[in-house]
Amino acid sequence: MKDIKPTIEFQELDKIDIRVGEILAVEDITESDKLVKLEVDFGEFKRTIVVGMKQERENPSEIIGLQALFVVNLAPRTIMGIESEGMLFDIGYQDKITPVLAVPEKEVPNGVRAG
């Protein structure tokens, strides 16, 4: 069994802003064998988010048009010269299986918060 991470207080979880965003574009970062750049619509704002999914998907563009969960309140981070403004919330990476997107069961407005 996988170890459970240390217990946190509920207030700590409340600090994480997880929202639904629609993936508008997936752009290859040619200098990297792992990274692609996503353009994501969160309703009231759009973000660029760099993710490492090239080795996980034969065609990363297959996720264009899908809604998924993203952490939107991480400090921006420059990756391969591109400012990444969030993190894709996926399922499986930590457990060394091919990750899948964490998606809402039906379409909801872009920008809706999880939690």
PDB file of N, CA and C in Angstrom:
ATOM      1  N   MET A   1       0.841  -1.184   0.000  1.00  0.00           N
ATOM      2  CA  MET A   1       0.000   0.000   0.000  1.00  0.00           C
ATOM      3  C   MET A   1       0.883   1.243   0.000  1.00  0.00           C
ATOM      4  N   LYS A   2       0.449   2.245  -0.721  1.00  0.00           N
ATOM      5  CA  LYS A   2       1.156   3.514  -0.785  1.00  0.00           C
ATOM      6  C   LYS A   2       0.945   4.263   0.526  1.00  0.00           C
ATOM      7  N   ASP A   3       2.023   4.877   1.027  1.00  0.00           N
ATOM      8  CA  ASP A   3       1.910   5.660   2.251  1.00  0.00           C
ATOM      9  C   ASP A   3       1.034   6.877   2.024  1.00  0.00           C
ATOM     10  N   ILE A   4       0.235   7.190   3.023  1.00  0.00           N
ATOM     11  CA  ILE A   4      -0.585   8.397   2.987  1.00  0.00           C
ATOM     12  C   ILE A   4       0.284   9.553   3.454  1.00  0.00           C
ATOM     13  N   LYS A   5       0.171  10.682   2.761  1.00  0.00           N
ATOM     14  CA  LYS A   5       0.957  11.863   3.136  1.00  0.00           C
ATOM     15  C   LYS A   5       0.554  12.321   4.535  1.00  0.00           C
ATOM     16  N   PRO A   6       1.416  13.123   5.191  1.00  0.00           N
ATOM     17  CA  PRO A   6       1.099  13.599   6.542  1.00  0.00           C
ATOM     18  C   PRO A   6      -0.225  14.369   6.593  1.00  0.00           C
ATOM     19  N   THR A   7      -0.887  14.273   7.716  1.00  0.00           N
ATOM     20  CA  THR A   7      -2.153  14.967   7.943  1.00  0.00           C
ATOM     21  C   THR A   7      -1.943  16.481   7.893  1.00  0.00           C
ATOM     22  N   ILE A   8      -2.895  17.163   7.260  1.00  0.00           N
ATOM     23  CA  ILE A   8      -2.866  18.623   7.229  1.00  0.00           C
ATOM     24  C   ILE A   8      -4.174  19.146   7.806  1.00  0.00           C
ATOM     25  N   GLU A   9      -4.155  20.380   8.215  1.00  0.00           N
ATOM     26  CA  GLU A   9      -5.379  21.018   8.708  1.00  0.00           C
ATOM     27  C   GLU A   9      -6.243  21.441   7.518  1.00  0.00           C
ATOM     28  N   PHE A  10      -7.545  21.462   7.713  1.00  0.00           N
ATOM     29  CA  PHE A  10      -8.483  21.807   6.646  1.00  0.00           C
ATOM     30  C   PHE A  10      -8.163  23.177   6.047  1.00  0.00           C
ATOM     31  N   GLN A  11      -7.732  24.125   6.880  1.00  0.00           N
ATOM     32  CA  GLN A  11      -7.425  25.471   6.414  1.00  0.00           C
ATOM     33  C   GLN A  11      -6.305  25.459   5.369  1.00  0.00           C
ATOM     34  N   GLU A  12      -5.384  24.509   5.490  1.00  0.00           N
ATOM     35  CA  GLU A  12      -4.296  24.422   4.514  1.00  0.00           C
ATOM     36  C   GLU A  12      -4.836  24.009   3.143  1.00  0.00           C
ATOM     37  N   LEU A  13      -5.749  23.070   3.117  1.00  0.00           N
ATOM     38  CA  LEU A  13      -6.359  22.635   1.868  1.00  0.00           C
ATOM     39  C   LEU A  13      -7.118  23.781   1.214  1.00  0.00           C
ATOM     40  N   ASP A  14      -7.750  24.598   2.027  1.00  0.00           N
ATOM     41  CA  ASP A  14      -8.537  25.718   1.515  1.00  0.00           C
ATOM     42  C   ASP A  14      -7.674  26.759   0.802  1.00  0.00           C
ATOM     43  N   LYS A  15      -6.365  26.720   1.000  1.00  0.00           N
ATOM     44  CA  LYS A  15      -5.459  27.671   0.332  1.00  0.00           C
ATOM     45  C   LYS A  15      -5.268  27.335  -1.140  1.00  0.00           C
ATOM     46  N   ILE A  16      -5.519  26.087  -1.532  1.00  0.00           N
ATOM     47  CA  ILE A  16      -5.292  25.665  -2.909  1.00  0.00           C
ATOM     48  C   ILE A  16      -6.522  26.003  -3.747  1.00  0.00           C
ATOM     49  N   ASP A  17      -6.308  26.777  -4.818  1.00  0.00           N
ATOM     50  CA  ASP A  17      -7.402  27.187  -5.705  1.00  0.00           C
ATOM     51  C   ASP A  17      -7.405  26.256  -6.916  1.00  0.00           C
ATOM     52  N   ILE A  18      -8.316  25.287  -6.906  1.00  0.00           N
ATOM     53  CA  ILE A  18      -8.442  24.318  -7.992  1.00  0.00           C
ATOM     54  C   ILE A  18      -9.680  24.693  -8.800  1.00  0.00           C
ATOM     55  N   ARG A  19      -9.472  24.886 -10.102  1.00  0.00           N
ATOM     56  CA  ARG A  19     -10.581  25.303 -10.962  1.00  0.00           C
ATOM     57  C   ARG A  19     -10.652  24.463 -12.229  1.00  0.00           C
ATOM     58  N   VAL A  20     -11.841  24.459 -12.805  1.00  0.00           N
ATOM     59  CA  VAL A  20     -12.060  23.803 -14.092  1.00  0.00           C
ATOM     60  C   VAL A  20     -11.655  24.768 -15.198  1.00  0.00           C
ATOM     61  N   GLY A  21     -10.849  24.275 -16.123  1.00  0.00           N
ATOM     62  CA  GLY A  21     -10.473  25.066 -17.290  1.00  0.00           C
ATOM     63  C   GLY A  21     -10.602  24.242 -18.550  1.00  0.00           C
ATOM     64  N   GLU A  22     -10.926  24.916 -19.641  1.00  0.00           N
ATOM     65  CA  GLU A  22     -11.010  24.247 -20.943  1.00  0.00           C
ATOM     66  C   GLU A  22      -9.690  24.429 -21.680  1.00  0.00           C
ATOM     67  N   ILE A  23      -9.133  23.341 -22.149  1.00  0.00           N
ATOM     68  CA  ILE A  23      -7.852  23.373 -22.865  1.00  0.00           C
ATOM     69  C   ILE A  23      -8.119  23.832 -24.292  1.00  0.00           C
ATOM     70  N   LEU A  24      -7.628  25.041 -24.605  1.00  0.00           N
ATOM     71  CA  LEU A  24      -7.863  25.640 -25.921  1.00  0.00           C
ATOM     72  C   LEU A  24      -6.809  25.243 -26.945  1.00  0.00           C
ATOM     73  N   ALA A  25      -5.570  25.073 -26.488  1.00  0.00           N
ATOM     74  CA  ALA A  25      -4.476  24.766 -27.410  1.00  0.00           C
ATOM     75  C   ALA A  25      -3.396  23.986 -26.694  1.00  0.00           C
ATOM     76  N   VAL A  26      -2.705  23.143 -27.448  1.00  0.00           N
ATOM     77  CA  VAL A  26      -1.547  22.398 -26.968  1.00  0.00           C
ATOM     78  C   VAL A  26      -0.429  22.662 -27.971  1.00  0.00           C
ATOM     79  N   GLU A  27       0.665  23.253 -27.484  1.00  0.00           N
ATOM     80  CA  GLU A  27       1.781  23.599 -28.362  1.00  0.00           C
ATOM     81  C   GLU A  27       3.028  22.834 -27.935  1.00  0.00           C
ATOM     82  N   ASP A  28       3.656  22.203 -28.888  1.00  0.00           N
ATOM     83  CA  ASP A  28       4.879  21.450 -28.620  1.00  0.00           C
ATOM     84  C   ASP A  28       6.006  22.404 -28.230  1.00  0.00           C
ATOM     85  N   ILE A  29       6.766  22.041 -27.219  1.00  0.00           N
ATOM     86  CA  ILE A  29       7.990  22.759 -26.872  1.00  0.00           C
ATOM     87  C   ILE A  29       9.112  21.906 -27.448  1.00  0.00           C
ATOM     88  N   THR A  30       9.582  22.294 -28.622  1.00  0.00           N
ATOM     89  CA  THR A  30      10.499  21.444 -29.398  1.00  0.00           C
ATOM     90  C   THR A  30      11.816  21.182 -28.693  1.00  0.00           C
ATOM     91  N   GLU A  31      12.237  22.087 -27.798  1.00  0.00           N
ATOM     92  CA  GLU A  31      13.509  21.908 -27.091  1.00  0.00           C
ATOM     93  C   GLU A  31      13.419  20.864 -25.985  1.00  0.00           C
ATOM     94  N   SER A  32      12.236  20.368 -25.716  1.00  0.00           N
ATOM     95  CA  SER A  32      12.028  19.427 -24.616  1.00  0.00           C
ATOM     96  C   SER A  32      11.458  18.108 -25.133  1.00  0.00           C
ATOM     97  N   ASP A  33      11.866  17.011 -24.491  1.00  0.00           N
ATOM     98  CA  ASP A  33      11.285  15.717 -24.855  1.00  0.00           C
ATOM     99  C   ASP A  33      10.084  15.369 -23.980  1.00  0.00           C
ATOM    100  N   LYS A  34       9.733  16.252 -23.036  1.00  0.00           N
ATOM    101  CA  LYS A  34       8.609  15.987 -22.131  1.00  0.00           C
ATOM    102  C   LYS A  34       7.512  17.054 -22.186  1.00  0.00           C
ATOM    103  N   LEU A  35       7.877  18.315 -22.417  1.00  0.00           N
ATOM    104  CA  LEU A  35       6.985  19.436 -22.157  1.00  0.00           C
ATOM    105  C   LEU A  35       6.169  19.908 -23.351  1.00  0.00           C
ATOM    106  N   VAL A  36       4.933  20.324 -23.029  1.00  0.00           N
ATOM    107  CA  VAL A  36       4.070  21.027 -23.973  1.00  0.00           C
ATOM    108  C   VAL A  36       3.488  22.236 -23.247  1.00  0.00           C
ATOM    109  N   LYS A  37       3.046  23.209 -24.029  1.00  0.00           N
ATOM    110  CA  LYS A  37       2.440  24.422 -23.473  1.00  0.00           C
ATOM    111  C   LYS A  37       0.940  24.376 -23.734  1.00  0.00           C
ATOM    112  N   LEU A  38       0.162  24.530 -22.669  1.00  0.00           N
ATOM    113  CA  LEU A  38      -1.287  24.575 -22.792  1.00  0.00           C
ATOM    114  C   LEU A  38      -1.768  26.012 -22.689  1.00  0.00           C
ATOM    115  N   GLU A  39      -2.778  26.350 -23.468  1.00  0.00           N
ATOM    116  CA  GLU A  39      -3.525  27.591 -23.289  1.00  0.00           C
ATOM    117  C   GLU A  39      -4.875  27.163 -22.731  1.00  0.00           C
ATOM    118  N   VAL A  40      -5.230  27.703 -21.567  1.00  0.00           N
ATOM    119  CA  VAL A  40      -6.406  27.231 -20.844  1.00  0.00           C
ATOM    120  C   VAL A  40      -7.347  28.394 -20.537  1.00  0.00           C
ATOM    121  N   ASP A  41      -8.639  28.178 -20.804  1.00  0.00           N
ATOM    122  CA  ASP A  41      -9.681  29.178 -20.555  1.00  0.00           C
ATOM    123  C   ASP A  41     -10.354  28.879 -19.220  1.00  0.00           C
ATOM    124  N   PHE A  42     -10.276  29.849 -18.299  1.00  0.00           N
ATOM    125  CA  PHE A  42     -10.929  29.722 -16.993  1.00  0.00           C
ATOM    126  C   PHE A  42     -12.122  30.662 -16.876  1.00  0.00           C
ATOM    127  N   GLY A  43     -12.720  31.017 -17.993  1.00  0.00           N
ATOM    128  CA  GLY A  43     -13.887  31.888 -17.970  1.00  0.00           C
ATOM    129  C   GLY A  43     -13.498  33.344 -17.913  1.00  0.00           C
ATOM    130  N   GLU A  44     -13.194  33.849 -16.722  1.00  0.00           N
ATOM    131  CA  GLU A  44     -12.841  35.260 -16.553  1.00  0.00           C
ATOM    132  C   GLU A  44     -11.385  35.551 -16.898  1.00  0.00           C
ATOM    133  N   PHE A  45     -10.568  34.505 -17.064  1.00  0.00           N
ATOM    134  CA  PHE A  45      -9.163  34.703 -17.416  1.00  0.00           C
ATOM    135  C   PHE A  45      -8.652  33.467 -18.145  1.00  0.00           C
ATOM    136  N   LYS A  46      -7.541  33.653 -18.852  1.00  0.00           N
ATOM    137  CA  LYS A  46      -6.865  32.553 -19.535  1.00  0.00           C
ATOM    138  C   LYS A  46      -5.460  32.449 -18.976  1.00  0.00           C
ATOM    139  N   ARG A  47      -4.894  31.250 -19.031  1.00  0.00           N
ATOM    140  CA  ARG A  47      -3.547  31.008 -18.511  1.00  0.00           C
ATOM    141  C   ARG A  47      -2.744  30.137 -19.466  1.00  0.00           C
ATOM    142  N   THR A  48      -1.430  30.331 -19.413  1.00  0.00           N
ATOM    143  CA  THR A  48      -0.478  29.446 -20.065  1.00  0.00           C
ATOM    144  C   THR A  48       0.059  28.516 -18.992  1.00  0.00           C
ATOM    145  N   ILE A  49       0.009  27.220 -19.241  1.00  0.00           N
ATOM    146  CA  ILE A  49       0.475  26.243 -18.265  1.00  0.00           C
ATOM    147  C   ILE A  49       1.345  25.219 -18.989  1.00  0.00           C
ATOM    148  N   VAL A  50       2.573  25.063 -18.505  1.00  0.00           N
ATOM    149  CA  VAL A  50       3.509  24.103 -19.086  1.00  0.00           C
ATOM    150  C   VAL A  50       3.360  22.783 -18.338  1.00  0.00           C
ATOM    151  N   VAL A  51       3.193  21.699 -19.107  1.00  0.00           N
ATOM    152  CA  VAL A  51       3.020  20.379 -18.509  1.00  0.00           C
ATOM    153  C   VAL A  51       3.912  19.353 -19.202  1.00  0.00           C
ATOM    154  N   GLY A  52       4.306  18.344 -18.462  1.00  0.00           N
ATOM    155  CA  GLY A  52       5.143  17.280 -19.010  1.00  0.00           C
ATOM    156  C   GLY A  52       4.306  16.089 -19.421  1.00  0.00           C
ATOM    157  N   MET A  53       3.781  16.114 -20.645  1.00  0.00           N
ATOM    158  CA  MET A  53       2.919  15.007 -21.061  1.00  0.00           C
ATOM    159  C   MET A  53       3.313  14.388 -22.393  1.00  0.00           C
ATOM    160  N   LYS A  54       4.396  14.832 -22.996  1.00  0.00           N
ATOM    161  CA  LYS A  54       4.778  14.283 -24.309  1.00  0.00           C
ATOM    162  C   LYS A  54       5.017  12.786 -24.263  1.00  0.00           C
ATOM    163  N   GLN A  55       5.632  12.298 -23.209  1.00  0.00           N
ATOM    164  CA  GLN A  55       5.936  10.869 -23.134  1.00  0.00           C
ATOM    165  C   GLN A  55       4.745  10.047 -22.661  1.00  0.00           C
ATOM    166  N   GLU A  56       3.687  10.714 -22.224  1.00  0.00           N
ATOM    167  CA  GLU A  56       2.509  10.019 -21.706  1.00  0.00           C
ATOM    168  C   GLU A  56       1.419   9.837 -22.749  1.00  0.00           C
ATOM    169  N   ARG A  57       1.477  10.628 -23.813  1.00  0.00           N
ATOM    170  CA  ARG A  57       0.430  10.595 -24.833  1.00  0.00           C
ATOM    171  C   ARG A  57       1.070  10.582 -26.213  1.00  0.00           C
ATOM    172  N   GLU A  58       0.560   9.726 -27.067  1.00  0.00           N
ATOM    173  CA  GLU A  58       1.057   9.694 -28.438  1.00  0.00           C
ATOM    174  C   GLU A  58       0.749  11.007 -29.143  1.00  0.00           C
ATOM    175  N   ASN A  59      -0.427  11.576 -28.856  1.00  0.00           N
ATOM    176  CA  ASN A  59      -0.843  12.827 -29.471  1.00  0.00           C
ATOM    177  C   ASN A  59      -1.381  13.764 -28.388  1.00  0.00           C
ATOM    178  N   PRO A  60      -0.533  14.614 -27.796  1.00  0.00           N
ATOM    179  CA  PRO A  60      -1.002  15.518 -26.746  1.00  0.00           C
ATOM    180  C   PRO A  60      -2.160  16.425 -27.179  1.00  0.00           C
ATOM    181  N   SER A  61      -2.281  16.684 -28.481  1.00  0.00           N
ATOM    182  CA  SER A  61      -3.367  17.553 -28.964  1.00  0.00           C
ATOM    183  C   SER A  61      -4.748  16.939 -28.765  1.00  0.00           C
ATOM    184  N   GLU A  62      -4.818  15.643 -28.433  1.00  0.00           N
ATOM    185  CA  GLU A  62      -6.111  14.989 -28.240  1.00  0.00           C
ATOM    186  C   GLU A  62      -6.893  15.577 -27.059  1.00  0.00           C
ATOM    187  N   ILE A  63      -6.230  16.348 -26.206  1.00  0.00           N
ATOM    188  CA  ILE A  63      -6.938  16.922 -25.045  1.00  0.00           C
ATOM    189  C   ILE A  63      -7.522  18.303 -25.334  1.00  0.00           C
ATOM    190  N   ILE A  64      -7.288  18.844 -26.538  1.00  0.00           N
ATOM    191  CA  ILE A  64      -7.873  20.141 -26.900  1.00  0.00           C
ATOM    192  C   ILE A  64      -9.388  20.032 -26.839  1.00  0.00           C
ATOM    193  N   GLY A  65     -10.005  21.010 -26.198  1.00  0.00           N
ATOM    194  CA  GLY A  65     -11.460  21.039 -26.058  1.00  0.00           C
ATOM    195  C   GLY A  65     -11.978  20.381 -24.801  1.00  0.00           C
ATOM    196  N   LEU A  66     -11.110  19.666 -24.079  1.00  0.00           N
ATOM    197  CA  LEU A  66     -11.538  19.018 -22.839  1.00  0.00           C
ATOM    198  C   LEU A  66     -11.446  19.974 -21.658  1.00  0.00           C
ATOM    199  N   GLN A  67     -12.315  19.772 -20.702  1.00  0.00           N
ATOM    200  CA  GLN A  67     -12.207  20.472 -19.426  1.00  0.00           C
ATOM    201  C   GLN A  67     -11.406  19.582 -18.479  1.00  0.00           C
ATOM    202  N   ALA A  68     -10.613  20.220 -17.621  1.00  0.00           N
ATOM    203  CA  ALA A  68      -9.829  19.486 -16.634  1.00  0.00           C
ATOM    204  C   ALA A  68      -9.651  20.370 -15.411  1.00  0.00           C
ATOM    205  N   LEU A  69      -9.102  19.778 -14.348  1.00  0.00           N
ATOM    206  CA  LEU A  69      -8.832  20.530 -13.118  1.00  0.00           C
ATOM    207  C   LEU A  69      -7.399  21.053 -13.134  1.00  0.00           C
ATOM    208  N   PHE A  70      -7.242  22.296 -12.666  1.00  0.00           N
ATOM    209  CA  PHE A  70      -5.945  22.958 -12.610  1.00  0.00           C
ATOM    210  C   PHE A  70      -5.805  23.695 -11.288  1.00  0.00           C
ATOM    211  N   VAL A  71      -4.591  23.744 -10.752  1.00  0.00           N
ATOM    212  CA  VAL A  71      -4.281  24.610  -9.623  1.00  0.00           C
ATOM    213  C   VAL A  71      -3.902  25.958 -10.235  1.00  0.00           C
ATOM    214  N   VAL A  72      -4.624  27.014  -9.877  1.00  0.00           N
ATOM    215  CA  VAL A  72      -4.402  28.322 -10.518  1.00  0.00           C
ATOM    216  C   VAL A  72      -3.710  29.348  -9.625  1.00  0.00           C
ATOM    217  N   ASN A  73      -3.439  29.011  -8.368  1.00  0.00           N
ATOM    218  CA  ASN A  73      -2.821  30.011  -7.498  1.00  0.00           C
ATOM    219  C   ASN A  73      -1.397  29.657  -7.087  1.00  0.00           C
ATOM    220  N   LEU A  74      -0.701  28.867  -7.900  1.00  0.00           N
ATOM    221  CA  LEU A  74       0.722  28.650  -7.673  1.00  0.00           C
ATOM    222  C   LEU A  74       1.482  29.873  -8.175  1.00  0.00           C
ATOM    223  N   ALA A  75       2.603  30.171  -7.543  1.00  0.00           N
ATOM    224  CA  ALA A  75       3.450  31.261  -8.035  1.00  0.00           C
ATOM    225  C   ALA A  75       3.897  30.913  -9.454  1.00  0.00           C
ATOM    226  N   PRO A  76       3.871  31.882 -10.391  1.00  0.00           N
ATOM    227  CA  PRO A  76       4.338  31.608 -11.753  1.00  0.00           C
ATOM    228  C   PRO A  76       5.775  31.094 -11.729  1.00  0.00           C
ATOM    229  N   ARG A  77       6.072  30.218 -12.685  1.00  0.00           N
ATOM    230  CA  ARG A  77       7.394  29.597 -12.758  1.00  0.00           C
ATOM    231  C   ARG A  77       7.825  29.559 -14.223  1.00  0.00           C
ATOM    232  N   THR A  78       9.051  29.981 -14.489  1.00  0.00           N
ATOM    233  CA  THR A  78       9.553  29.955 -15.857  1.00  0.00           C
ATOM    234  C   THR A  78      10.173  28.590 -16.140  1.00  0.00           C
ATOM    235  N   ILE A  79       9.637  27.933 -17.168  1.00  0.00           N
ATOM    236  CA  ILE A  79      10.094  26.600 -17.570  1.00  0.00           C
ATOM    237  C   ILE A  79      10.428  26.667 -19.054  1.00  0.00           C
ATOM    238  N   MET A  80      11.662  26.351 -19.388  1.00  0.00           N
ATOM    239  CA  MET A  80      12.125  26.397 -20.788  1.00  0.00           C
ATOM    240  C   MET A  80      11.828  27.766 -21.421  1.00  0.00           C
ATOM    241  N   GLY A  81      11.967  28.824 -20.625  1.00  0.00           N
ATOM    242  CA  GLY A  81      11.756  30.177 -21.131  1.00  0.00           C
ATOM    243  C   GLY A  81      10.301  30.596 -21.231  1.00  0.00           C
ATOM    244  N   ILE A  82       9.372  29.761 -20.769  1.00  0.00           N
ATOM    245  CA  ILE A  82       7.936  30.062 -20.834  1.00  0.00           C
ATOM    246  C   ILE A  82       7.398  30.188 -19.420  1.00  0.00           C
ATOM    247  N   GLU A  83       6.663  31.276 -19.162  1.00  0.00           N
ATOM    248  CA  GLU A  83       6.082  31.439 -17.835  1.00  0.00           C
ATOM    249  C   GLU A  83       4.847  30.540 -17.709  1.00  0.00           C
ATOM    250  N   SER A  84       4.903  29.601 -16.757  1.00  0.00           N
ATOM    251  CA  SER A  84       3.797  28.706 -16.477  1.00  0.00           C
ATOM    252  C   SER A  84       3.018  29.265 -15.299  1.00  0.00           C
ATOM    253  N   GLU A  85       1.701  29.415 -15.481  1.00  0.00           N
ATOM    254  CA  GLU A  85       0.862  30.081 -14.489  1.00  0.00           C
ATOM    255  C   GLU A  85      -0.118  29.132 -13.810  1.00  0.00           C
ATOM    256  N   GLY A  86       0.332  27.942 -13.473  1.00  0.00           N
ATOM    257  CA  GLY A  86      -0.543  26.993 -12.806  1.00  0.00           C
ATOM    258  C   GLY A  86      -0.040  25.580 -12.988  1.00  0.00           C
ATOM    259  N   MET A  87      -0.892  24.615 -12.610  1.00  0.00           N
ATOM    260  CA  MET A  87      -0.512  23.217 -12.706  1.00  0.00           C
ATOM    261  C   MET A  87      -1.730  22.384 -13.092  1.00  0.00           C
ATOM    262  N   LEU A  88      -1.543  21.501 -14.052  1.00  0.00           N
ATOM    263  CA  LEU A  88      -2.580  20.549 -14.420  1.00  0.00           C
ATOM    264  C   LEU A  88      -2.707  19.534 -13.290  1.00  0.00           C
ATOM    265  N   PHE A  89      -3.918  19.267 -12.877  1.00  0.00           N
ATOM    266  CA  PHE A  89      -4.194  18.307 -11.820  1.00  0.00           C
ATOM    267  C   PHE A  89      -4.501  16.985 -12.510  1.00  0.00           C
ATOM    268  N   ASP A  90      -3.528  16.051 -12.532  1.00  0.00           N
ATOM    269  CA  ASP A  90      -3.786  14.775 -13.185  1.00  0.00           C
ATOM    270  C   ASP A  90      -3.787  13.639 -12.174  1.00  0.00           C
ATOM    271  N   ILE A  91      -4.118  12.460 -12.652  1.00  0.00           N
ATOM    272  CA  ILE A  91      -4.252  11.289 -11.793  1.00  0.00           C
ATOM    273  C   ILE A  91      -3.304  10.203 -12.303  1.00  0.00           C
ATOM    274  N   GLY A  92      -2.458   9.669 -11.424  1.00  0.00           N
ATOM    275  CA  GLY A  92      -1.632   8.536 -11.769  1.00  0.00           C
ATOM    276  C   GLY A  92      -0.139   8.771 -11.762  1.00  0.00           C
ATOM    277  N   TYR A  93       0.309   9.991 -12.010  1.00  0.00           N
ATOM    278  CA  TYR A  93       1.746  10.259 -12.129  1.00  0.00           C
ATOM    279  C   TYR A  93       2.506   9.814 -10.881  1.00  0.00           C
ATOM    280  N   GLN A  94       2.024  10.182  -9.697  1.00  0.00           N
ATOM    281  CA  GLN A  94       2.693   9.834  -8.438  1.00  0.00           C
ATOM    282  C   GLN A  94       2.813   8.326  -8.247  1.00  0.00           C
ATOM    283  N   ASP A  95       1.896   7.581  -8.826  1.00  0.00           N
ATOM    284  CA  ASP A  95       1.892   6.129  -8.675  1.00  0.00           C
ATOM    285  C   ASP A  95       2.519   5.401  -9.868  1.00  0.00           C
ATOM    286  N   LYS A  96       3.191   6.188 -10.719  1.00  0.00           N
ATOM    287  CA  LYS A  96       3.947   5.643 -11.851  1.00  0.00           C
ATOM    288  C   LYS A  96       3.074   4.855 -12.835  1.00  0.00           C
ATOM    289  N   ILE A  97       1.839   5.341 -13.039  1.00  0.00           N
ATOM    290  CA  ILE A  97       1.012   4.802 -14.121  1.00  0.00           C
ATOM    291  C   ILE A  97       0.794   5.940 -15.112  1.00  0.00           C
ATOM    292  N   THR A  98       0.412   5.609 -16.324  1.00  0.00           N
ATOM    293  CA  THR A  98       0.179   6.647 -17.322  1.00  0.00           C
ATOM    294  C   THR A  98      -0.916   7.576 -16.825  1.00  0.00           C
ATOM    295  N   PRO A  99      -0.588   8.850 -16.614  1.00  0.00           N
ATOM    296  CA  PRO A  99      -1.567   9.778 -16.055  1.00  0.00           C
ATOM    297  C   PRO A  99      -2.768  10.022 -16.964  1.00  0.00           C
ATOM    298  N   VAL A 100      -3.877  10.308 -16.332  1.00  0.00           N
ATOM    299  CA  VAL A 100      -5.101  10.724 -17.008  1.00  0.00           C
ATOM    300  C   VAL A 100      -5.522  12.057 -16.415  1.00  0.00           C
ATOM    301  N   LEU A 101      -6.313  12.806 -17.155  1.00  0.00           N
ATOM    302  CA  LEU A 101      -6.782  14.095 -16.665  1.00  0.00           C
ATOM    303  C   LEU A 101      -7.839  13.909 -15.588  1.00  0.00           C
ATOM    304  N   ALA A 102      -7.839  14.789 -14.602  1.00  0.00           N
ATOM    305  CA  ALA A 102      -8.927  14.858 -13.627  1.00  0.00           C
ATOM    306  C   ALA A 102      -9.974  15.777 -14.255  1.00  0.00           C
ATOM    307  N   VAL A 103     -11.118  15.212 -14.590  1.00  0.00           N
ATOM    308  CA  VAL A 103     -12.130  15.957 -15.346  1.00  0.00           C
ATOM    309  C   VAL A 103     -13.480  15.939 -14.625  1.00  0.00           C
ATOM    310  N   PRO A 104     -14.293  16.984 -14.843  1.00  0.00           N
ATOM    311  CA  PRO A 104     -15.647  16.953 -14.283  1.00  0.00           C
ATOM    312  C   PRO A 104     -16.484  15.901 -15.012  1.00  0.00           C
ATOM    313  N   GLU A 105     -17.452  15.308 -14.314  1.00  0.00           N
ATOM    314  CA  GLU A 105     -18.260  14.245 -14.920  1.00  0.00           C
ATOM    315  C   GLU A 105     -19.173  14.755 -16.026  1.00  0.00           C
ATOM    316  N   LYS A 106     -19.502  16.049 -15.991  1.00  0.00           N
ATOM    317  CA  LYS A 106     -20.243  16.672 -17.089  1.00  0.00           C
ATOM    318  C   LYS A 106     -19.731  18.101 -17.236  1.00  0.00           C
ATOM    319  N   GLU A 107     -20.046  18.732 -18.354  1.00  0.00           N
ATOM    320  CA  GLU A 107     -19.547  20.081 -18.604  1.00  0.00           C
ATOM    321  C   GLU A 107     -20.089  21.060 -17.567  1.00  0.00           C
ATOM    322  N   VAL A 108     -19.199  21.915 -17.087  1.00  0.00           N
ATOM    323  CA  VAL A 108     -19.544  22.983 -16.143  1.00  0.00           C
ATOM    324  C   VAL A 108     -18.922  24.274 -16.668  1.00  0.00           C
ATOM    325  N   PRO A 109     -19.335  25.430 -16.155  1.00  0.00           N
ATOM    326  CA  PRO A 109     -18.730  26.667 -16.622  1.00  0.00           C
ATOM    327  C   PRO A 109     -17.224  26.707 -16.333  1.00  0.00           C
ATOM    328  N   ASN A 110     -16.435  27.186 -17.296  1.00  0.00           N
ATOM    329  CA  ASN A 110     -15.012  27.349 -17.075  1.00  0.00           C
ATOM    330  C   ASN A 110     -14.776  28.302 -15.907  1.00  0.00           C
ATOM    331  N   GLY A 111     -13.826  27.953 -15.053  1.00  0.00           N
ATOM    332  CA  GLY A 111     -13.512  28.787 -13.902  1.00  0.00           C
ATOM    333  C   GLY A 111     -14.167  28.339 -12.611  1.00  0.00           C
ATOM    334  N   VAL A 112     -15.088  27.364 -12.693  1.00  0.00           N
ATOM    335  CA  VAL A 112     -15.747  26.859 -11.482  1.00  0.00           C
ATOM    336  C   VAL A 112     -14.685  26.236 -10.567  1.00  0.00           C
ATOM    337  N   ARG A 113     -14.817  26.526  -9.270  1.00  0.00           N
ATOM    338  CA  ARG A 113     -13.851  26.010  -8.287  1.00  0.00           C
ATOM    339  C   ARG A 113     -14.230  24.608  -7.813  1.00  0.00           C
ATOM    340  N   ALA A 114     -13.200  23.813  -7.555  1.00  0.00           N
ATOM    341  CA  ALA A 114     -13.381  22.484  -6.966  1.00  0.00           C
ATOM    342  C   ALA A 114     -13.206  22.605  -5.457  1.00  0.00           C
ATOM    343  N   GLY A 115     -13.863  21.734  -4.744  1.00  0.00           N
ATOM    344  CA  GLY A 115     -13.673  21.715  -3.292  1.00  0.00           C
ATOM    345  C   GLY A 115     -14.905  22.064  -2.535  1.00  0.00           C
TER     346      GLY A 115
END
